[in-house]
Amino acid sequence: MKIILQPLIENSIVHGFTSNSKNNRIHIHAYEHRANLHIDVKDNGIGIDKKKVEQSLLDNGKKQDNFALKNIHDRLANVFGENFGLNIIENNKEGGTFIKIILPLVYSQEEAEQYILKEGDQDA
């Protein structure tokens, strides 16, 4: 489950920011909420089309406009279950993109491995 944040940050820089702005910001906030780990990734770039991205997260077809986002979402949902993954939050008034990552809250590698095995048993 490495490389979850890097593609989101890269998307902000490559697709969200204009090269002539010196006020580009990316804000990452991680916190516990209802026994889950939430990671908010917000930028003040040009924003994304929420409905288009949400549709691409659900789309199982070959067309992938938001490949990095779908890849992250699918990896998280496959490992931890359908309740986990990416949520696209409505862009704020100032513009920008807000993506929330929801993961199970675990405190050790052993606990993570047990959770993953437990989820795998449900699919069998």
C-alpha atoms as a PDB file:
ATOM      1  CA  MET A   1       0.000   0.000   0.000  1.00  0.00           C
ATOM      2  CA  LYS A   2       2.890   2.254  -0.700  1.00  0.00           C
ATOM      3  CA  ILE A   3       2.524   5.279  -2.942  1.00  0.00           C
ATOM      4  CA  ILE A   4      -0.930   6.546  -2.058  1.00  0.00           C
ATOM      5  CA  LEU A   5      -0.182  10.240  -1.593  1.00  0.00           C
ATOM      6  CA  GLN A   6       2.467  10.704  -4.293  1.00  0.00           C
ATOM      7  CA  PRO A   7       0.100  10.414  -7.300  1.00  0.00           C
ATOM      8  CA  LEU A   8      -2.355  12.842  -5.678  1.00  0.00           C
ATOM      9  CA  ILE A   9       0.369  15.410  -5.086  1.00  0.00           C
ATOM     10  CA  GLU A  10       1.689  14.902  -8.614  1.00  0.00           C
ATOM     11  CA  ASN A  11      -1.818  15.426 -10.054  1.00  0.00           C
ATOM     12  CA  SER A  12      -2.105  18.703  -8.157  1.00  0.00           C
ATOM     13  CA  ILE A  13       1.211  19.943  -9.473  1.00  0.00           C
ATOM     14  CA  VAL A  14       0.902  18.735 -13.067  1.00  0.00           C
ATOM     15  CA  HIS A  15      -2.824  19.239 -13.710  1.00  0.00           C
ATOM     16  CA  GLY A  16      -4.063  21.654 -11.058  1.00  0.00           C
ATOM     17  CA  PHE A  17      -1.573  24.469 -10.874  1.00  0.00           C
ATOM     18  CA  THR A  18      -0.704  27.137 -13.366  1.00  0.00           C
ATOM     19  CA  SER A  19       3.004  27.595 -13.833  1.00  0.00           C
ATOM     20  CA  ASN A  20       2.945  31.358 -13.298  1.00  0.00           C
ATOM     21  CA  SER A  21       1.363  31.300  -9.828  1.00  0.00           C
ATOM     22  CA  LYS A  22       3.497  31.642  -6.715  1.00  0.00           C
ATOM     23  CA  ASN A  23       0.567  30.950  -4.388  1.00  0.00           C
ATOM     24  CA  ASN A  24       0.082  27.255  -5.171  1.00  0.00           C
ATOM     25  CA  ARG A  25      -0.719  25.278  -2.017  1.00  0.00           C
ATOM     26  CA  ILE A  26      -1.273  21.632  -1.144  1.00  0.00           C
ATOM     27  CA  HIS A  27      -2.616  20.861   2.320  1.00  0.00           C
ATOM     28  CA  ILE A  28      -2.516  17.322   3.777  1.00  0.00           C
ATOM     29  CA  HIS A  29      -4.347  16.586   7.017  1.00  0.00           C
ATOM     30  CA  ALA A  30      -4.547  13.124   8.614  1.00  0.00           C
ATOM     31  CA  TYR A  31      -6.860  12.372  11.531  1.00  0.00           C
ATOM     32  CA  GLU A  32      -8.956   9.672  13.200  1.00  0.00           C
ATOM     33  CA  HIS A  33     -12.676   9.745  12.543  1.00  0.00           C
ATOM     34  CA  ARG A  34     -15.106   7.002  13.612  1.00  0.00           C
ATOM     35  CA  ALA A  35     -12.345   4.387  14.018  1.00  0.00           C
ATOM     36  CA  ASN A  36     -10.951   5.116  10.541  1.00  0.00           C
ATOM     37  CA  LEU A  37      -7.976   7.081   9.299  1.00  0.00           C
ATOM     38  CA  HIS A  38      -8.979  10.022   7.119  1.00  0.00           C
ATOM     39  CA  ILE A  39      -6.394  11.796   4.999  1.00  0.00           C
ATOM     40  CA  ASP A  40      -7.560  15.032   3.376  1.00  0.00           C
ATOM     41  CA  VAL A  41      -5.578  16.256   0.391  1.00  0.00           C
ATOM     42  CA  LYS A  42      -6.586  19.761  -0.718  1.00  0.00           C
ATOM     43  CA  ASP A  43      -5.071  22.114  -3.230  1.00  0.00           C
ATOM     44  CA  ASN A  44      -5.953  25.572  -4.482  1.00  0.00           C
ATOM     45  CA  GLY A  45      -5.499  24.752  -8.166  1.00  0.00           C
ATOM     46  CA  ILE A  46      -8.028  24.883 -10.998  1.00  0.00           C
ATOM     47  CA  GLY A  47     -10.132  22.031  -9.593  1.00  0.00           C
ATOM     48  CA  ILE A  48     -11.568  18.900 -11.166  1.00  0.00           C
ATOM     49  CA  ASP A  49     -14.968  17.837 -12.450  1.00  0.00           C
ATOM     50  CA  LYS A  50     -16.323  15.922  -9.454  1.00  0.00           C
ATOM     51  CA  LYS A  51     -19.012  14.013 -11.373  1.00  0.00           C
ATOM     52  CA  LYS A  52     -16.592  12.964 -14.126  1.00  0.00           C
ATOM     53  CA  VAL A  53     -14.020  11.713 -11.601  1.00  0.00           C
ATOM     54  CA  GLU A  54     -16.631   9.866  -9.524  1.00  0.00           C
ATOM     55  CA  GLN A  55     -17.912   8.164 -12.687  1.00  0.00           C
ATOM     56  CA  SER A  56     -14.389   7.114 -13.675  1.00  0.00           C
ATOM     57  CA  LEU A  57     -13.862   5.617 -10.188  1.00  0.00           C
ATOM     58  CA  LEU A  58     -16.912   3.422 -10.761  1.00  0.00           C
ATOM     59  CA  ASP A  59     -16.192   2.675 -14.433  1.00  0.00           C
ATOM     60  CA  ASN A  60     -14.782  -0.766 -15.168  1.00  0.00           C
ATOM     61  CA  GLY A  61     -14.307  -0.008 -18.854  1.00  0.00           C
ATOM     62  CA  LYS A  62     -11.092   0.641 -20.725  1.00  0.00           C
ATOM     63  CA  LYS A  63     -11.371   4.425 -20.931  1.00  0.00           C
ATOM     64  CA  GLN A  64      -9.425   5.942 -18.054  1.00  0.00           C
ATOM     65  CA  ASP A  65      -9.282   9.718 -17.888  1.00  0.00           C
ATOM     66  CA  ASN A  66      -8.315   9.671 -14.213  1.00  0.00           C
ATOM     67  CA  PHE A  67      -6.071   6.625 -14.157  1.00  0.00           C
ATOM     68  CA  ALA A  68      -4.042   7.542 -11.055  1.00  0.00           C
ATOM     69  CA  LEU A  69      -7.147   8.252  -8.959  1.00  0.00           C
ATOM     70  CA  LYS A  70      -8.891   5.066 -10.092  1.00  0.00           C
ATOM     71  CA  ASN A  71      -5.755   3.026  -9.475  1.00  0.00           C
ATOM     72  CA  ILE A  72      -5.441   4.294  -5.886  1.00  0.00           C
ATOM     73  CA  HIS A  73      -9.155   3.844  -5.201  1.00  0.00           C
ATOM     74  CA  ASP A  74      -9.231   0.303  -6.605  1.00  0.00           C
ATOM     75  CA  ARG A  75      -6.114  -0.788  -4.687  1.00  0.00           C
ATOM     76  CA  LEU A  76      -7.526   0.471  -1.387  1.00  0.00           C
ATOM     77  CA  ALA A  77     -10.986  -0.990  -1.976  1.00  0.00           C
ATOM     78  CA  ASN A  78      -9.535  -4.351  -3.057  1.00  0.00           C
ATOM     79  CA  VAL A  79      -7.315  -4.637   0.010  1.00  0.00           C
ATOM     80  CA  PHE A  80      -9.518  -3.111   2.723  1.00  0.00           C
ATOM     81  CA  GLY A  81     -13.055  -3.417   1.346  1.00  0.00           C
ATOM     82  CA  GLU A  82     -15.592  -1.262  -0.483  1.00  0.00           C
ATOM     83  CA  ASN A  83     -16.009   1.162   2.437  1.00  0.00           C
ATOM     84  CA  PHE A  84     -12.451   2.376   1.921  1.00  0.00           C
ATOM     85  CA  GLY A  85     -10.754   4.316  -0.839  1.00  0.00           C
ATOM     86  CA  LEU A  86     -11.016   7.797  -2.312  1.00  0.00           C
ATOM     87  CA  ASN A  87     -13.864  10.261  -1.986  1.00  0.00           C
ATOM     88  CA  ILE A  88     -13.981  13.350  -4.142  1.00  0.00           C
ATOM     89  CA  ILE A  89     -15.311  16.262  -2.108  1.00  0.00           C
ATOM     90  CA  GLU A  90     -16.993  19.232  -3.765  1.00  0.00           C
ATOM     91  CA  ASN A  91     -14.545  21.938  -4.802  1.00  0.00           C
ATOM     92  CA  ASN A  92     -14.616  24.919  -2.503  1.00  0.00           C
ATOM     93  CA  LYS A  93     -15.552  28.477  -3.492  1.00  0.00           C
ATOM     94  CA  GLU A  94     -11.932  29.467  -4.015  1.00  0.00           C
ATOM     95  CA  GLY A  95     -11.391  26.597  -6.466  1.00  0.00           C
ATOM     96  CA  GLY A  96      -9.103  23.672  -5.999  1.00  0.00           C
ATOM     97  CA  THR A  97      -9.558  19.985  -5.394  1.00  0.00           C
ATOM     98  CA  PHE A  98     -10.400  18.132  -2.183  1.00  0.00           C
ATOM     99  CA  ILE A  99      -9.832  14.374  -2.054  1.00  0.00           C
ATOM    100  CA  LYS A 100     -10.451  12.348   1.093  1.00  0.00           C
ATOM    101  CA  ILE A 101      -8.716   9.009   1.566  1.00  0.00           C
ATOM    102  CA  ILE A 102     -10.430   6.672   4.032  1.00  0.00           C
ATOM    103  CA  LEU A 103      -8.478   3.763   5.493  1.00  0.00           C
ATOM    104  CA  PRO A 104      -9.008   1.429   8.430  1.00  0.00           C
ATOM    105  CA  LEU A 105      -7.181   2.700  11.477  1.00  0.00           C
ATOM    106  CA  VAL A 106      -4.441   0.210  12.409  1.00  0.00           C
ATOM    107  CA  TYR A 107      -1.539   0.643  14.772  1.00  0.00           C
ATOM    108  CA  SER A 108       0.909  -2.027  13.609  1.00  0.00           C
ATOM    109  CA  GLN A 109       1.945  -4.031  10.557  1.00  0.00           C
ATOM    110  CA  GLU A 110       0.607  -7.177  12.227  1.00  0.00           C
ATOM    111  CA  GLU A 111      -2.795  -5.589  12.754  1.00  0.00           C
ATOM    112  CA  ALA A 112      -2.878  -4.456   9.122  1.00  0.00           C
ATOM    113  CA  GLU A 113      -2.034  -7.951   7.919  1.00  0.00           C
ATOM    114  CA  GLN A 114      -4.770  -9.463  10.088  1.00  0.00           C
ATOM    115  CA  TYR A 115      -7.285  -6.969   8.746  1.00  0.00           C
ATOM    116  CA  ILE A 116      -6.318  -7.767   5.169  1.00  0.00           C
ATOM    117  CA  LEU A 117      -6.580 -11.514   5.801  1.00  0.00           C
ATOM    118  CA  LYS A 118      -9.969 -10.998   7.464  1.00  0.00           C
ATOM    119  CA  GLU A 119     -11.229  -9.053   4.438  1.00  0.00           C
ATOM    120  CA  GLY A 120      -9.878 -11.776   2.119  1.00  0.00           C
ATOM    121  CA  ASP A 121     -11.826 -14.447   4.024  1.00  0.00           C
ATOM    122  CA  GLN A 122     -15.087 -12.607   3.340  1.00  0.00           C
ATOM    123  CA  ASP A 123     -14.512 -12.850  -0.428  1.00  0.00           C
ATOM    124  CA  ALA A 124     -14.034 -16.626  -0.350  1.00  0.00           C
END
